[in-house]
Structures are given as structure tokens and as C-alpha cells.
Amino acid sequence: MNKPTAASSDHGNDHSRNLDRYIGPILRGQRQAQGLTLADVATLAGVSRGMLSKIENGQVSTSLDTLHQIVSALGITLSQLFRNFDVPEGSAQHVKAGEGLEVVRRGTKRGHTYHLLAYDQGPQKQIEPFLILMDDAAEVFPTFLHPGVEFVYVLEGEMEYRHGRSTYLLKPGDSLTFQGNIPHGPEKLLKVPIKILSVMNYGSNGDH
């Protein structure tokens, strides 16, 4: 059997150190939240006070059996202890209410505004969610065409919406899903203001 290389050994040591640094603060936080001293938990878990202190400070690695004794003394489980370990860092786009990027769509006027709620970097886009506001019942809307699939959900107001040769009456809570390469758009605004969520899914290619 081949001996582990220095690189693989270093990687294992790094992983072990990361685990120790993760475990320690959680155990200490759980103990302090319950008003317990090091001596209290050490006695309940059957380990020395000095060992528990080193574990809490990430100075030593401990066996699974010992760790199980400690978490049991704290009234938690191993699964609860490790639930946030090695979880990928999030990178979600958070858009606060009213802070979506306002964009101008070709053919729209003042009474028809789009707020882009998320965006992809670069020339290719897979998805575009818009909050669309319409408050001018007299406005004449253009016909829209684009790749992919569009999902429309009505939050407020009423309107007739055309897709190809069909017209749909949309009220709050109604939704419509359709192919974007067929002519579509608002036909008549029946009750303003109208607020809709529109999500355009361009697929994996995203060229548009």
C-alpha cells in the first residue's frame, strides 16, 4: 500500500483543523447559553475540565465517542452539531422592496415601468424576473417577442392579456405561462393600477 503523500497529509490536517475550529465555538456557545460551567459539562460528559477547555478552543481533536458524550451532556445531537459544517457560502442576490433596477423596454411609455429583480453578469442570461407596474388605462402596448418561456403572475389589478390569437382575463392571483416567441402582451387594462410579476426563462443558451 502506498503511503500518503505530503500534500494529501497536509490536506487532511487542514480539514481536521477546520473541523476542530468549527466544533469548539459551537460547544462553548451551547454551554454558555445554558449557564453551565466547564466543570459542569466535564462532569456530565465524563471528561476532564482541561480536555473540554482545549476542545472548546479548537486546540485538540477528539474522538467521536467523546464528542457524543459532550453533546449529550449539552442536550443536543451530533446531527445538530454538524448541520452547518462545510455548507457552501451563499451568493444570492437580495433586492430590497422598491430597489429593483428600473429598465425601459422597447415601445413602453411612462405608464408602464419594469423593475428588474435579478440579473446575470455577461452577455448570456438564463432568467430575468421583472416587477411590472401599469397605471395608464389608455396606453397602447406593443407586441413582445423573445426566446424562451415567460411566466406572468398578477398581484394587483385586472387586464386582458393576448398570446397569439388567444386573449385571457387576468385578475389578482391568476398566472399565465407561455412561449415567448409567439406575439404577446397586454391587450386592455381593465382595472389600474396593475402590478404583475413576470419571469422570463431563456434556458441554458440564454442568447437574446
Protein backbone atom coordinates (compact mmCIF):
# COMPACT_ATOMS: atom_id res chain seq x y z
CA MET A 1 0.00 0.00 0.00
CA ASN A 2 1.34 3.42 -0.95
CA LYS A 3 1.97 5.86 1.86
CA PRO A 4 0.04 9.12 1.72
CA THR A 5 1.95 11.93 0.10
CA ALA A 6 2.85 15.09 1.98
CA ALA A 7 0.24 17.03 0.01
CA SER A 8 -2.59 14.63 0.92
CA SER A 9 -1.43 14.58 4.54
CA ASP A 10 -1.43 18.37 4.69
CA HIS A 11 -4.92 18.45 3.17
CA GLY A 12 -6.15 16.01 5.83
CA ASN A 13 -4.57 18.09 8.59
CA ASP A 14 -6.18 21.26 7.24
CA HIS A 15 -9.57 19.57 7.15
CA SER A 16 -9.11 18.31 10.72
CA ARG A 17 -8.12 21.78 11.93
CA ASN A 18 -11.14 23.33 10.22
CA LEU A 19 -13.36 20.76 11.92
CA ASP A 20 -11.82 21.46 15.32
CA ARG A 21 -12.26 25.21 14.85
CA TYR A 22 -15.90 24.65 13.86
CA ILE A 23 -16.77 22.35 16.77
CA GLY A 24 -15.19 24.37 19.58
CA PRO A 25 -17.18 27.63 19.37
CA ILE A 26 -20.48 25.77 18.99
CA LEU A 27 -19.86 23.66 22.09
CA ARG A 28 -18.81 26.72 24.06
CA GLY A 29 -21.83 28.70 22.84
CA GLN A 30 -24.22 25.89 23.78
CA ARG A 31 -22.66 25.59 27.23
CA GLN A 32 -22.77 29.33 27.92
CA ALA A 33 -26.33 29.64 26.63
CA GLN A 34 -27.39 27.09 29.26
CA GLY A 35 -25.46 28.81 32.05
CA LEU A 36 -23.16 25.82 32.57
CA THR A 37 -19.51 25.96 33.61
CA LEU A 38 -16.68 23.92 32.14
CA ALA A 39 -16.71 21.84 35.31
CA ASP A 40 -20.45 21.19 34.99
CA VAL A 41 -20.23 19.84 31.44
CA ALA A 42 -16.98 17.98 32.08
CA THR A 43 -18.60 16.13 34.98
CA LEU A 44 -21.74 15.29 32.99
CA ALA A 45 -19.72 14.14 29.98
CA GLY A 46 -17.12 12.19 31.95
CA VAL A 47 -14.13 14.12 30.54
CA SER A 48 -11.54 16.30 32.23
CA ARG A 49 -12.11 20.03 32.55
CA GLY A 50 -8.78 20.70 30.83
CA MET A 51 -9.65 18.48 27.86
CA LEU A 52 -13.04 20.15 27.44
CA SER A 53 -11.38 23.57 27.52
CA LYS A 54 -8.94 22.54 24.77
CA ILE A 55 -11.79 21.13 22.65
CA GLU A 56 -13.79 24.36 23.00
CA ASN A 57 -10.74 26.37 21.92
CA GLY A 58 -10.04 24.14 18.91
CA GLN A 59 -6.66 23.09 20.29
CA VAL A 60 -7.17 19.33 20.11
CA SER A 61 -9.11 16.80 18.09
CA THR A 62 -11.42 14.45 19.93
CA SER A 63 -12.86 11.02 19.28
CA LEU A 64 -16.42 10.60 18.11
CA ASP A 65 -17.28 8.80 21.36
CA THR A 66 -16.02 11.69 23.47
CA LEU A 67 -17.79 14.20 21.28
CA HIS A 68 -21.02 12.24 21.64
CA GLN A 69 -20.66 12.33 25.43
CA ILE A 70 -20.20 16.11 25.37
CA VAL A 71 -23.14 16.89 23.09
CA SER A 72 -25.33 14.55 25.12
CA ALA A 73 -24.36 16.46 28.25
CA LEU A 74 -25.44 19.65 26.47
CA GLY A 75 -28.75 18.13 25.36
CA ILE A 76 -28.05 18.30 21.62
CA THR A 77 -27.32 15.68 18.95
CA LEU A 78 -24.34 15.16 16.67
CA SER A 79 -26.52 15.95 13.66
CA GLN A 80 -27.41 19.32 15.22
CA LEU A 81 -23.74 19.98 15.91
CA PHE A 82 -22.66 19.36 12.31
CA ARG A 83 -25.68 20.75 10.45
CA ASN A 84 -23.82 23.90 9.32
CA PHE A 85 -20.40 22.34 8.75
CA ASP A 86 -18.94 22.56 5.23
CA VAL A 87 -22.05 24.31 3.89
CA PRO A 88 -21.24 26.30 0.72
CA GLU A 89 -21.28 30.06 1.15
CA GLY A 90 -24.42 31.65 -0.27
CA SER A 91 -24.29 34.13 -3.14
CA ALA A 92 -27.93 35.12 -3.56
CA GLN A 93 -28.95 38.49 -4.98
CA HIS A 94 -31.03 40.34 -2.38
CA VAL A 95 -33.16 43.14 -3.81
CA LYS A 96 -34.98 45.21 -1.21
CA ALA A 97 -38.54 46.40 -1.82
CA GLY A 98 -38.58 49.25 -4.32
CA GLU A 99 -34.88 48.87 -5.19
CA GLY A 100 -35.16 46.78 -8.37
CA LEU A 101 -33.25 48.22 -11.32
CA GLU A 102 -35.71 50.24 -13.39
CA VAL A 103 -35.32 49.43 -17.08
CA VAL A 104 -37.02 50.67 -20.22
CA ARG A 105 -38.47 48.06 -22.56
CA ARG A 106 -38.77 48.96 -26.22
CA GLY A 107 -42.13 50.53 -27.03
CA THR A 108 -43.23 51.19 -23.45
CA LYS A 109 -44.18 54.60 -22.09
CA ARG A 110 -44.34 56.40 -18.75
CA GLY A 111 -47.35 54.43 -17.53
CA HIS A 112 -45.56 51.10 -17.93
CA THR A 113 -42.43 50.52 -15.81
CA TYR A 114 -40.23 47.47 -15.34
CA HIS A 115 -38.16 46.78 -12.25
CA LEU A 116 -35.54 44.11 -12.85
CA LEU A 117 -35.28 41.99 -9.68
CA ALA A 118 -32.19 39.93 -10.58
CA TYR A 119 -29.59 39.84 -13.30
CA ASP A 120 -26.81 37.66 -14.68
CA GLN A 121 -23.38 39.05 -15.46
CA GLY A 122 -22.17 38.84 -19.06
CA PRO A 123 -23.95 38.68 -22.42
CA GLN A 124 -25.85 35.46 -21.74
CA LYS A 125 -28.87 35.45 -19.44
CA GLN A 126 -30.84 32.41 -18.30
CA ILE A 127 -33.60 34.15 -16.37
CA GLU A 128 -34.99 37.66 -15.89
CA PRO A 129 -37.62 38.40 -13.22
CA PHE A 130 -39.48 41.72 -13.51
CA LEU A 131 -41.96 43.56 -11.33
CA ILE A 132 -44.13 45.40 -13.86
CA LEU A 133 -46.33 48.36 -12.95
CA MET A 134 -49.04 49.73 -15.27
CA ASP A 135 -51.21 52.69 -14.30
CA ASP A 136 -52.39 54.26 -17.57
CA ALA A 137 -55.52 52.52 -18.88
CA ALA A 138 -55.32 54.49 -22.13
CA GLU A 139 -51.84 53.26 -23.03
CA VAL A 140 -51.44 51.19 -26.19
CA PHE A 141 -48.93 48.42 -25.68
CA PRO A 142 -46.55 46.97 -28.26
CA THR A 143 -46.35 43.29 -29.15
CA PHE A 144 -43.50 41.47 -27.46
CA LEU A 145 -41.40 38.62 -28.84
CA HIS A 146 -38.45 36.93 -27.13
CA PRO A 147 -36.83 33.48 -26.78
CA GLY A 148 -37.73 31.07 -24.01
CA VAL A 149 -40.73 30.78 -21.72
CA GLU A 150 -42.45 33.56 -19.76
CA PHE A 151 -44.42 33.22 -16.53
CA VAL A 152 -46.80 36.03 -15.53
CA TYR A 153 -48.45 36.32 -12.10
CA VAL A 154 -50.95 39.07 -11.31
CA LEU A 155 -50.52 40.79 -7.94
CA GLU A 156 -52.94 43.68 -8.39
CA GLY A 157 -55.47 45.00 -10.94
CA GLU A 158 -57.19 43.36 -13.91
CA MET A 159 -56.37 43.16 -17.60
CA GLU A 160 -56.85 41.26 -20.80
CA TYR A 161 -53.62 39.66 -21.98
CA ARG A 162 -53.07 38.42 -25.52
CA HIS A 163 -50.91 35.45 -26.53
CA GLY A 164 -51.08 34.67 -30.23
CA ARG A 165 -54.75 34.53 -31.19
CA SER A 166 -55.98 33.94 -27.63
CA THR A 167 -56.95 36.54 -25.03
CA TYR A 168 -57.01 35.85 -21.29
CA LEU A 169 -58.71 37.76 -18.49
CA LEU A 170 -56.20 38.04 -15.66
CA LYS A 171 -57.11 39.01 -12.10
CA PRO A 172 -55.10 39.02 -8.83
CA GLY A 173 -53.80 35.51 -8.14
CA ASP A 174 -54.07 34.44 -11.80
CA SER A 175 -51.00 33.28 -13.71
CA LEU A 176 -50.11 32.65 -17.32
CA THR A 177 -47.21 30.62 -18.74
CA PHE A 178 -46.39 30.72 -22.43
CA GLN A 179 -43.76 30.54 -25.17
CA GLY A 180 -42.14 33.93 -25.66
CA ASN A 181 -41.60 33.54 -29.42
CA ILE A 182 -45.36 33.91 -30.03
CA PRO A 183 -46.57 37.55 -30.10
CA HIS A 184 -47.90 38.57 -26.69
CA GLY A 185 -48.61 41.50 -24.42
CA PRO A 186 -51.34 43.41 -22.55
CA GLU A 187 -54.45 43.89 -24.71
CA LYS A 188 -56.59 46.05 -22.42
CA LEU A 189 -56.16 47.39 -18.89
CA LEU A 190 -59.46 46.90 -17.09
CA LYS A 191 -58.58 47.97 -13.55
CA VAL A 192 -55.50 50.05 -12.77
CA PRO A 193 -53.03 50.20 -11.20
CA ILE A 194 -51.84 46.80 -12.33
CA LYS A 195 -48.88 45.04 -10.76
CA ILE A 196 -47.55 41.77 -12.18
CA LEU A 197 -44.54 39.56 -11.68
CA SER A 198 -43.05 38.43 -14.97
CA VAL A 199 -40.29 35.81 -15.11
CA MET A 200 -38.59 35.14 -18.42
CA ASN A 201 -36.66 31.86 -18.66
CA TYR A 202 -34.34 31.81 -21.64
CA GLY A 203 -32.94 28.34 -20.98
CA SER A 204 -29.28 27.30 -20.83
CA ASN A 205 -28.27 29.14 -24.00
CA GLY A 206 -29.62 32.49 -22.88
CA ASP A 207 -28.86 34.34 -26.14
CA HIS A 208 -31.32 37.15 -26.76
